PDB file of all heavy atoms in Angstrom:
ATOM      1  N   ASP A   1       0.833  -1.202   0.000  1.00  0.00           N
ATOM      2  CA  ASP A   1       0.000   0.000   0.000  1.00  0.00           C
ATOM      3  C   ASP A   1       0.871   1.257   0.000  1.00  0.00           C
ATOM      4  O   ASP A   1       0.607   2.207  -0.738  1.00  0.00           O
ATOM      5  CB  ASP A   1      -0.920  -0.008   1.225  1.00  0.00           C
ATOM      6  CG  ASP A   1      -1.866   1.184   1.227  1.00  0.00           C
ATOM      7  OD1 ASP A   1      -2.661   1.318   0.277  1.00  0.00           O
ATOM      8  OD2 ASP A   1      -1.815   1.992   2.183  1.00  0.00           O
ATOM      9  N   ALA A   2       1.939   1.252   0.819  1.00  0.00           N
ATOM     10  CA  ALA A   2       2.795   2.432   0.946  1.00  0.00           C
ATOM     11  C   ALA A   2       3.575   2.721  -0.333  1.00  0.00           C
ATOM     12  O   ALA A   2       3.936   3.872  -0.603  1.00  0.00           O
ATOM     13  CB  ALA A   2       3.771   2.253   2.110  1.00  0.00           C
ATOM     14  N   THR A   3       3.848   1.701  -1.133  1.00  0.00           N
ATOM     15  CA  THR A   3       4.653   1.887  -2.345  1.00  0.00           C
ATOM     16  C   THR A   3       3.804   1.978  -3.604  1.00  0.00           C
ATOM     17  O   THR A   3       4.337   2.026  -4.707  1.00  0.00           O
ATOM     18  CB  THR A   3       5.665   0.733  -2.499  1.00  0.00           C
ATOM     19  OG1 THR A   3       4.966  -0.519  -2.534  1.00  0.00           O
ATOM     20  CG2 THR A   3       6.655   0.715  -1.346  1.00  0.00           C
ATOM     21  N   ARG A   4       2.494   2.005  -3.445  1.00  0.00           N
ATOM     22  CA  ARG A   4       1.606   2.076  -4.606  1.00  0.00           C
ATOM     23  C   ARG A   4       1.889   3.341  -5.421  1.00  0.00           C
ATOM     24  O   ARG A   4       2.026   4.427  -4.879  1.00  0.00           O
ATOM     25  CB  ARG A   4       0.148   2.079  -4.138  1.00  0.00           C
ATOM     26  CG  ARG A   4      -0.863   1.833  -5.258  1.00  0.00           C
ATOM     27  CD  ARG A   4      -2.285   1.878  -4.708  1.00  0.00           C
ATOM     28  NE  ARG A   4      -2.448   0.990  -3.565  1.00  0.00           N
ATOM     29  CZ  ARG A   4      -2.680  -0.307  -3.676  1.00  0.00           C
ATOM     30  NH1 ARG A   4      -2.741  -0.866  -4.878  1.00  0.00           N
ATOM     31  NH2 ARG A   4      -2.840  -1.056  -2.600  1.00  0.00           N
ATOM     32  N   GLY A   5       2.027   3.179  -6.736  1.00  0.00           N
ATOM     33  CA  GLY A   5       2.223   4.331  -7.605  1.00  0.00           C
ATOM     34  C   GLY A   5       3.669   4.771  -7.750  1.00  0.00           C
ATOM     35  O   GLY A   5       3.946   5.775  -8.401  1.00  0.00           O
ATOM     36  N   ARG A   6       4.621   4.031  -7.147  1.00  0.00           N
ATOM     37  CA  ARG A   6       6.024   4.392  -7.297  1.00  0.00           C
ATOM     38  C   ARG A   6       6.798   3.176  -7.810  1.00  0.00           C
ATOM     39  O   ARG A   6       6.379   2.038  -7.635  1.00  0.00           O
ATOM     40  CB  ARG A   6       6.614   4.860  -5.967  1.00  0.00           C
ATOM     41  CG  ARG A   6       6.630   3.790  -4.885  1.00  0.00           C
ATOM     42  CD  ARG A   6       7.343   4.296  -3.634  1.00  0.00           C
ATOM     43  NE  ARG A   6       8.678   4.741  -3.974  1.00  0.00           N
ATOM     44  CZ  ARG A   6       9.247   5.841  -3.464  1.00  0.00           C
ATOM     45  NH1 ARG A   6       8.604   6.562  -2.576  1.00  0.00           N
ATOM     46  NH2 ARG A   6      10.457   6.197  -3.835  1.00  0.00           N
ATOM     47  N   THR A   7       7.929   3.414  -8.452  1.00  0.00           N
ATOM     48  CA  THR A   7       8.743   2.325  -8.987  1.00  0.00           C
ATOM     49  C   THR A   7       9.421   1.585  -7.845  1.00  0.00           C
ATOM     50  O   THR A   7      10.217   2.159  -7.112  1.00  0.00           O
ATOM     51  CB  THR A   7       9.793   2.869  -9.970  1.00  0.00           C
ATOM     52  OG1 THR A   7       9.128   3.582 -11.010  1.00  0.00           O
ATOM     53  CG2 THR A   7      10.601   1.728 -10.576  1.00  0.00           C
ATOM     54  N   THR A   8       9.089   0.305  -7.702  1.00  0.00           N
ATOM     55  CA  THR A   8       9.587  -0.496  -6.589  1.00  0.00           C
ATOM     56  C   THR A   8       9.993  -1.872  -7.098  1.00  0.00           C
ATOM     57  O   THR A   8       9.280  -2.482  -7.888  1.00  0.00           O
ATOM     58  CB  THR A   8       8.494  -0.672  -5.505  1.00  0.00           C
ATOM     59  OG1 THR A   8       8.006   0.610  -5.115  1.00  0.00           O
ATOM     60  CG2 THR A   8       9.027  -1.406  -4.297  1.00  0.00           C
ATOM     61  N   VAL A   9      11.155  -2.339  -6.655  1.00  0.00           N
ATOM     62  CA  VAL A   9      11.589  -3.700  -6.940  1.00  0.00           C
ATOM     63  C   VAL A   9      11.625  -4.440  -5.615  1.00  0.00           C
ATOM     64  O   VAL A   9      12.383  -4.085  -4.713  1.00  0.00           O
ATOM     65  CB  VAL A   9      12.978  -3.734  -7.616  1.00  0.00           C
ATOM     66  CG1 VAL A   9      13.375  -5.186  -7.918  1.00  0.00           C
ATOM     67  CG2 VAL A   9      12.976  -2.910  -8.898  1.00  0.00           C
ATOM     68  N   LEU A  10      10.792  -5.458  -5.497  1.00  0.00           N
ATOM     69  CA  LEU A  10      10.622  -6.200  -4.250  1.00  0.00           C
ATOM     70  C   LEU A  10      11.135  -7.618  -4.417  1.00  0.00           C
ATOM     71  O   LEU A  10      10.736  -8.324  -5.348  1.00  0.00           O
ATOM     72  CB  LEU A  10       9.132  -6.225  -3.878  1.00  0.00           C
ATOM     73  CG  LEU A  10       8.682  -7.206  -2.786  1.00  0.00           C
ATOM     74  CD1 LEU A  10       9.248  -6.805  -1.433  1.00  0.00           C
ATOM     75  CD2 LEU A  10       7.151  -7.270  -2.738  1.00  0.00           C
ATOM     76  N   VAL A  11      12.020  -8.039  -3.514  1.00  0.00           N
ATOM     77  CA  VAL A  11      12.452  -9.441  -3.441  1.00  0.00           C
ATOM     78  C   VAL A  11      11.717 -10.074  -2.267  1.00  0.00           C
ATOM     79  O   VAL A  11      11.734  -9.540  -1.157  1.00  0.00           O
ATOM     80  CB  VAL A  11      13.973  -9.550  -3.235  1.00  0.00           C
ATOM     81  CG1 VAL A  11      14.351 -10.961  -2.804  1.00  0.00           C
ATOM     82  CG2 VAL A  11      14.716  -9.188  -4.509  1.00  0.00           C
ATOM     83  N   THR A  12      11.049 -11.201  -2.503  1.00  0.00           N
ATOM     84  CA  THR A  12      10.284 -11.826  -1.432  1.00  0.00           C
ATOM     85  C   THR A  12      10.114 -13.317  -1.682  1.00  0.00           C
ATOM     86  O   THR A  12      10.107 -13.763  -2.837  1.00  0.00           O
ATOM     87  CB  THR A  12       8.896 -11.162  -1.290  1.00  0.00           C
ATOM     88  OG1 THR A  12       8.179 -11.783  -0.223  1.00  0.00           O
ATOM     89  CG2 THR A  12       8.087 -11.287  -2.568  1.00  0.00           C
ATOM     90  N   HIS A  13       9.987 -14.059  -0.579  1.00  0.00           N
ATOM     91  CA  HIS A  13       9.600 -15.457  -0.666  1.00  0.00           C
ATOM     92  C   HIS A  13       8.097 -15.610  -0.495  1.00  0.00           C
ATOM     93  O   HIS A  13       7.548 -16.696  -0.701  1.00  0.00           O
ATOM     94  CB  HIS A  13      10.302 -16.274   0.433  1.00  0.00           C
ATOM     95  CG  HIS A  13      11.732 -16.589   0.129  1.00  0.00           C
ATOM     96  ND1 HIS A  13      12.777 -15.883   0.675  1.00  0.00           N
ATOM     97  CD2 HIS A  13      12.283 -17.529  -0.669  1.00  0.00           C
ATOM     98  CE1 HIS A  13      13.918 -16.372   0.223  1.00  0.00           C
ATOM     99  NE2 HIS A  13      13.650 -17.379  -0.581  1.00  0.00           N
ATOM    100  N   ARG A  14       7.432 -14.540  -0.089  1.00  0.00           N
ATOM    101  CA  ARG A  14       6.004 -14.593   0.216  1.00  0.00           C
ATOM    102  C   ARG A  14       5.218 -14.112  -1.002  1.00  0.00           C
ATOM    103  O   ARG A  14       5.459 -13.018  -1.511  1.00  0.00           O
ATOM    104  CB  ARG A  14       5.677 -13.710   1.421  1.00  0.00           C
ATOM    105  CG  ARG A  14       6.493 -14.040   2.665  1.00  0.00           C
ATOM    106  CD  ARG A  14       6.180 -13.071   3.786  1.00  0.00           C
ATOM    107  NE  ARG A  14       4.792 -13.187   4.195  1.00  0.00           N
ATOM    108  CZ  ARG A  14       4.342 -14.117   5.022  1.00  0.00           C
ATOM    109  NH1 ARG A  14       5.165 -15.016   5.528  1.00  0.00           N
ATOM    110  NH2 ARG A  14       3.077 -14.159   5.360  1.00  0.00           N
ATOM    111  N   LEU A  15       4.273 -14.920  -1.454  1.00  0.00           N
ATOM    112  CA  LEU A  15       3.518 -14.580  -2.659  1.00  0.00           C
ATOM    113  C   LEU A  15       2.198 -13.884  -2.359  1.00  0.00           C
ATOM    114  O   LEU A  15       1.589 -13.307  -3.259  1.00  0.00           O
ATOM    115  CB  LEU A  15       3.260 -15.842  -3.487  1.00  0.00           C
ATOM    116  CG  LEU A  15       4.494 -16.671  -3.858  1.00  0.00           C
ATOM    117  CD1 LEU A  15       4.109 -17.769  -4.839  1.00  0.00           C
ATOM    118  CD2 LEU A  15       5.610 -15.804  -4.418  1.00  0.00           C
ATOM    119  N   ARG A  16       1.755 -13.950  -1.113  1.00  0.00           N
ATOM    120  CA  ARG A  16       0.474 -13.334  -0.773  1.00  0.00           C
ATOM    121  C   ARG A  16       0.531 -11.825  -1.020  1.00  0.00           C
ATOM    122  O   ARG A  16       1.430 -11.133  -0.563  1.00  0.00           O
ATOM    123  CB  ARG A  16       0.138 -13.597   0.695  1.00  0.00           C
ATOM    124  CG  ARG A  16      -1.309 -13.273   1.053  1.00  0.00           C
ATOM    125  CD  ARG A  16      -1.628 -13.777   2.438  1.00  0.00           C
ATOM    126  NE  ARG A  16      -3.030 -13.605   2.754  1.00  0.00           N
ATOM    127  CZ  ARG A  16      -3.583 -13.968   3.894  1.00  0.00           C
ATOM    128  NH1 ARG A  16      -2.836 -14.550   4.831  1.00  0.00           N
ATOM    129  NH2 ARG A  16      -4.856 -13.771   4.124  1.00  0.00           N
ATOM    130  N   GLY A  17      -0.429 -11.320  -1.780  1.00  0.00           N
ATOM    131  CA  GLY A  17      -0.489  -9.898  -2.096  1.00  0.00           C
ATOM    132  C   GLY A  17       0.132  -9.532  -3.426  1.00  0.00           C
ATOM    133  O   GLY A  17      -0.031  -8.406  -3.905  1.00  0.00           O
ATOM    134  N   LEU A  18       0.856 -10.469  -4.058  1.00  0.00           N
ATOM    135  CA  LEU A  18       1.552 -10.122  -5.299  1.00  0.00           C
ATOM    136  C   LEU A  18       0.616  -9.972  -6.493  1.00  0.00           C
ATOM    137  O   LEU A  18       1.058  -9.546  -7.566  1.00  0.00           O
ATOM    138  CB  LEU A  18       2.633 -11.170  -5.612  1.00  0.00           C
ATOM    139  CG  LEU A  18       3.800 -11.238  -4.624  1.00  0.00           C
ATOM    140  CD1 LEU A  18       4.924 -12.096  -5.192  1.00  0.00           C
ATOM    141  CD2 LEU A  18       4.320  -9.860  -4.246  1.00  0.00           C
ATOM    142  N   GLU A  19      -0.668 -10.285  -6.304  1.00  0.00           N
ATOM    143  CA  GLU A  19      -1.624  -9.987  -7.375  1.00  0.00           C
ATOM    144  C   GLU A  19      -1.738  -8.476  -7.599  1.00  0.00           C
ATOM    145  O   GLU A  19      -2.277  -8.025  -8.622  1.00  0.00           O
ATOM    146  CB  GLU A  19      -3.000 -10.593  -7.068  1.00  0.00           C
ATOM    147  CG  GLU A  19      -3.702 -10.042  -5.844  1.00  0.00           C
ATOM    148  CD  GLU A  19      -3.287 -10.743  -4.560  1.00  0.00           C
ATOM    149  OE1 GLU A  19      -2.343 -11.563  -4.586  1.00  0.00           O
ATOM    150  OE2 GLU A  19      -3.923 -10.466  -3.531  1.00  0.00           O
ATOM    151  N   GLN A  20      -1.205  -7.665  -6.678  1.00  0.00           N
ATOM    152  CA  GLN A  20      -1.275  -6.209  -6.796  1.00  0.00           C
ATOM    153  C   GLN A  20      -0.137  -5.622  -7.620  1.00  0.00           C
ATOM    154  O   GLN A  20      -0.210  -4.463  -8.031  1.00  0.00           O
ATOM    155  CB  GLN A  20      -1.244  -5.566  -5.403  1.00  0.00           C
ATOM    156  CG  GLN A  20      -2.380  -5.976  -4.486  1.00  0.00           C
ATOM    157  CD  GLN A  20      -2.238  -5.332  -3.116  1.00  0.00           C
ATOM    158  OE1 GLN A  20      -2.016  -4.139  -3.001  1.00  0.00           O
ATOM    159  NE2 GLN A  20      -2.356  -6.131  -2.066  1.00  0.00           N
ATOM    160  N   VAL A  21       0.927  -6.392  -7.861  1.00  0.00           N
ATOM    161  CA  VAL A  21       2.090  -5.810  -8.530  1.00  0.00           C
ATOM    162  C   VAL A  21       1.938  -5.885 -10.039  1.00  0.00           C
ATOM    163  O   VAL A  21       1.130  -6.650 -10.571  1.00  0.00           O
ATOM    164  CB  VAL A  21       3.400  -6.495  -8.082  1.00  0.00           C
ATOM    165  CG1 VAL A  21       3.513  -6.483  -6.558  1.00  0.00           C
ATOM    166  CG2 VAL A  21       3.506  -7.918  -8.613  1.00  0.00           C
ATOM    167  N   ASP A  22       2.729  -5.074 -10.754  1.00  0.00           N
ATOM    168  CA  ASP A  22       2.622  -4.995 -12.213  1.00  0.00           C
ATOM    169  C   ASP A  22       3.231  -6.201 -12.918  1.00  0.00           C
ATOM    170  O   ASP A  22       2.698  -6.672 -13.920  1.00  0.00           O
ATOM    171  CB  ASP A  22       3.312  -3.726 -12.726  1.00  0.00           C
ATOM    172  CG  ASP A  22       2.636  -2.469 -12.201  1.00  0.00           C
ATOM    173  OD1 ASP A  22       1.404  -2.368 -12.317  1.00  0.00           O
ATOM    174  OD2 ASP A  22       3.340  -1.616 -11.655  1.00  0.00           O
ATOM    175  N   GLU A  23       4.371  -6.671 -12.393  1.00  0.00           N
ATOM    176  CA  GLU A  23       5.039  -7.810 -13.036  1.00  0.00           C
ATOM    177  C   GLU A  23       5.816  -8.601 -11.995  1.00  0.00           C
ATOM    178  O   GLU A  23       6.404  -8.025 -11.077  1.00  0.00           O
ATOM    179  CB  GLU A  23       5.991  -7.347 -14.136  1.00  0.00           C
ATOM    180  CG  GLU A  23       6.633  -8.511 -14.895  1.00  0.00           C
ATOM    181  CD  GLU A  23       7.542  -8.067 -16.029  1.00  0.00           C
ATOM    182  OE1 GLU A  23       8.121  -6.972 -15.935  1.00  0.00           O
ATOM    183  OE2 GLU A  23       7.677  -8.839 -16.998  1.00  0.00           O
ATOM    184  N   ILE A  24       5.815  -9.905 -12.154  1.00  0.00           N
ATOM    185  CA  ILE A  24       6.569 -10.809 -11.290  1.00  0.00           C
ATOM    186  C   ILE A  24       7.626 -11.493 -12.149  1.00  0.00           C
ATOM    187  O   ILE A  24       7.326 -11.998 -13.240  1.00  0.00           O
ATOM    188  CB  ILE A  24       5.646 -11.864 -10.655  1.00  0.00           C
ATOM    189  CG1 ILE A  24       4.597 -11.176  -9.778  1.00  0.00           C
ATOM    190  CG2 ILE A  24       6.450 -12.873  -9.837  1.00  0.00           C
ATOM    191  CD1 ILE A  24       3.400 -12.043  -9.458  1.00  0.00           C
ATOM    192  N   VAL A  25       8.863 -11.513 -11.650  1.00  0.00           N
ATOM    193  CA  VAL A  25       9.968 -12.161 -12.355  1.00  0.00           C
ATOM    194  C   VAL A  25      10.466 -13.302 -11.475  1.00  0.00           C
ATOM    195  O   VAL A  25      10.799 -13.089 -10.311  1.00  0.00           O
ATOM    196  CB  VAL A  25      11.115 -11.174 -12.643  1.00  0.00           C
ATOM    197  CG1 VAL A  25      12.285 -11.891 -13.311  1.00  0.00           C
ATOM    198  CG2 VAL A  25      10.622 -10.023 -13.508  1.00  0.00           C
ATOM    199  N   VAL A  26      10.504 -14.500 -12.016  1.00  0.00           N
ATOM    200  CA  VAL A  26      10.996 -15.672 -11.286  1.00  0.00           C
ATOM    201  C   VAL A  26      12.437 -15.932 -11.688  1.00  0.00           C
ATOM    202  O   VAL A  26      12.748 -16.077 -12.876  1.00  0.00           O
ATOM    203  CB  VAL A  26      10.135 -16.925 -11.587  1.00  0.00           C
ATOM    204  CG1 VAL A  26      10.696 -18.134 -10.838  1.00  0.00           C
ATOM    205  CG2 VAL A  26       8.679 -16.689 -11.197  1.00  0.00           C
ATOM    206  N   LEU A  27      13.322 -15.975 -10.677  1.00  0.00           N
ATOM    207  CA  LEU A  27      14.722 -16.301 -10.907  1.00  0.00           C
ATOM    208  C   LEU A  27      15.013 -17.693 -10.379  1.00  0.00           C
ATOM    209  O   LEU A  27      14.637 -18.034  -9.259  1.00  0.00           O
ATOM    210  CB  LEU A  27      15.638 -15.309 -10.179  1.00  0.00           C
ATOM    211  CG  LEU A  27      15.800 -13.907 -10.747  1.00  0.00           C
ATOM    212  CD1 LEU A  27      16.749 -13.103  -9.859  1.00  0.00           C
ATOM    213  CD2 LEU A  27      16.319 -13.933 -12.169  1.00  0.00           C
ATOM    214  N   GLU A  28      15.688 -18.495 -11.182  1.00  0.00           N
ATOM    215  CA  GLU A  28      16.154 -19.815 -10.758  1.00  0.00           C
ATOM    216  C   GLU A  28      17.548 -20.019 -11.330  1.00  0.00           C
ATOM    217  O   GLU A  28      17.751 -19.888 -12.539  1.00  0.00           O
ATOM    218  CB  GLU A  28      15.207 -20.917 -11.255  1.00  0.00           C
ATOM    219  CG  GLU A  28      13.807 -20.844 -10.672  1.00  0.00           C
ATOM    220  CD  GLU A  28      12.901 -21.949 -11.188  1.00  0.00           C
ATOM    221  OE1 GLU A  28      12.905 -23.031 -10.581  1.00  0.00           O
ATOM    222  OE2 GLU A  28      12.216 -21.729 -12.212  1.00  0.00           O
ATOM    223  N   GLY A  29      18.501 -20.304 -10.441  1.00  0.00           N
ATOM    224  CA  GLY A  29      19.874 -20.513 -10.894  1.00  0.00           C
ATOM    225  C   GLY A  29      20.461 -19.316 -11.607  1.00  0.00           C
ATOM    226  O   GLY A  29      21.271 -19.474 -12.530  1.00  0.00           O
ATOM    227  N   GLY A  30      20.080 -18.126 -11.182  1.00  0.00           N
ATOM    228  CA  GLY A  30      20.626 -16.918 -11.784  1.00  0.00           C
ATOM    229  C   GLY A  30      20.004 -16.531 -13.110  1.00  0.00           C
ATOM    230  O   GLY A  30      20.461 -15.581 -13.758  1.00  0.00           O
ATOM    231  N   ARG A  31      18.946 -17.231 -13.531  1.00  0.00           N
ATOM    232  CA  ARG A  31      18.301 -16.936 -14.811  1.00  0.00           C
ATOM    233  C   ARG A  31      16.806 -16.689 -14.621  1.00  0.00           C
ATOM    234  O   ARG A  31      16.185 -17.244 -13.730  1.00  0.00           O
ATOM    235  CB  ARG A  31      18.496 -18.092 -15.807  1.00  0.00           C
ATOM    236  CG  ARG A  31      19.949 -18.316 -16.179  1.00  0.00           C
ATOM    237  CD  ARG A  31      20.094 -19.430 -17.217  1.00  0.00           C
ATOM    238  NE  ARG A  31      21.479 -19.614 -17.601  1.00  0.00           N
ATOM    239  CZ  ARG A  31      22.109 -18.876 -18.511  1.00  0.00           C
ATOM    240  NH1 ARG A  31      21.454 -17.908 -19.138  1.00  0.00           N
ATOM    241  NH2 ARG A  31      23.373 -19.105 -18.788  1.00  0.00           N
ATOM    242  N   VAL A  32      16.252 -15.868 -15.492  1.00  0.00           N
ATOM    243  CA  VAL A  32      14.816 -15.624 -15.489  1.00  0.00           C
ATOM    244  C   VAL A  32      14.127 -16.815 -16.136  1.00  0.00           C
ATOM    245  O   VAL A  32      14.389 -17.143 -17.290  1.00  0.00           O
ATOM    246  CB  VAL A  32      14.467 -14.329 -16.256  1.00  0.00           C
ATOM    247  CG1 VAL A  32      12.948 -14.151 -16.336  1.00  0.00           C
ATOM    248  CG2 VAL A  32      15.103 -13.118 -15.592  1.00  0.00           C
ATOM    249  N   THR A  33      13.262 -17.488 -15.375  1.00  0.00           N
ATOM    250  CA  THR A  33      12.557 -18.649 -15.922  1.00  0.00           C
ATOM    251  C   THR A  33      11.083 -18.373 -16.181  1.00  0.00           C
ATOM    252  O   THR A  33      10.454 -19.090 -16.963  1.00  0.00           O
ATOM    253  CB  THR A  33      12.679 -19.855 -14.974  1.00  0.00           C
ATOM    254  OG1 THR A  33      12.160 -19.503 -13.683  1.00  0.00           O
ATOM    255  CG2 THR A  33      14.131 -20.294 -14.837  1.00  0.00           C
ATOM    256  N   GLN A  34      10.533 -17.365 -15.510  1.00  0.00           N
ATOM    257  CA  GLN A  34       9.140 -16.988 -15.734  1.00  0.00           C
ATOM    258  C   GLN A  34       8.993 -15.498 -15.495  1.00  0.00           C
ATOM    259  O   GLN A  34       9.723 -14.919 -14.690  1.00  0.00           O
ATOM    260  CB  GLN A  34       8.200 -17.716 -14.753  1.00  0.00           C
ATOM    261  CG  GLN A  34       8.075 -19.210 -14.947  1.00  0.00           C
ATOM    262  CD  GLN A  34       7.093 -19.797 -13.929  1.00  0.00           C
ATOM    263  OE1 GLN A  34       7.415 -19.913 -12.753  1.00  0.00           O
ATOM    264  NE2 GLN A  34       5.908 -20.138 -14.395  1.00  0.00           N
TER     265      GLN A  34
END
């Protein structure tokens, strides 16, 4: 809520609430897989 409308890069293990973000990037072994 506090970061809404601003450019933010979030690293997290928790997926709850991520339906609110613009894009999700999955990293595995140093590479983007999804």
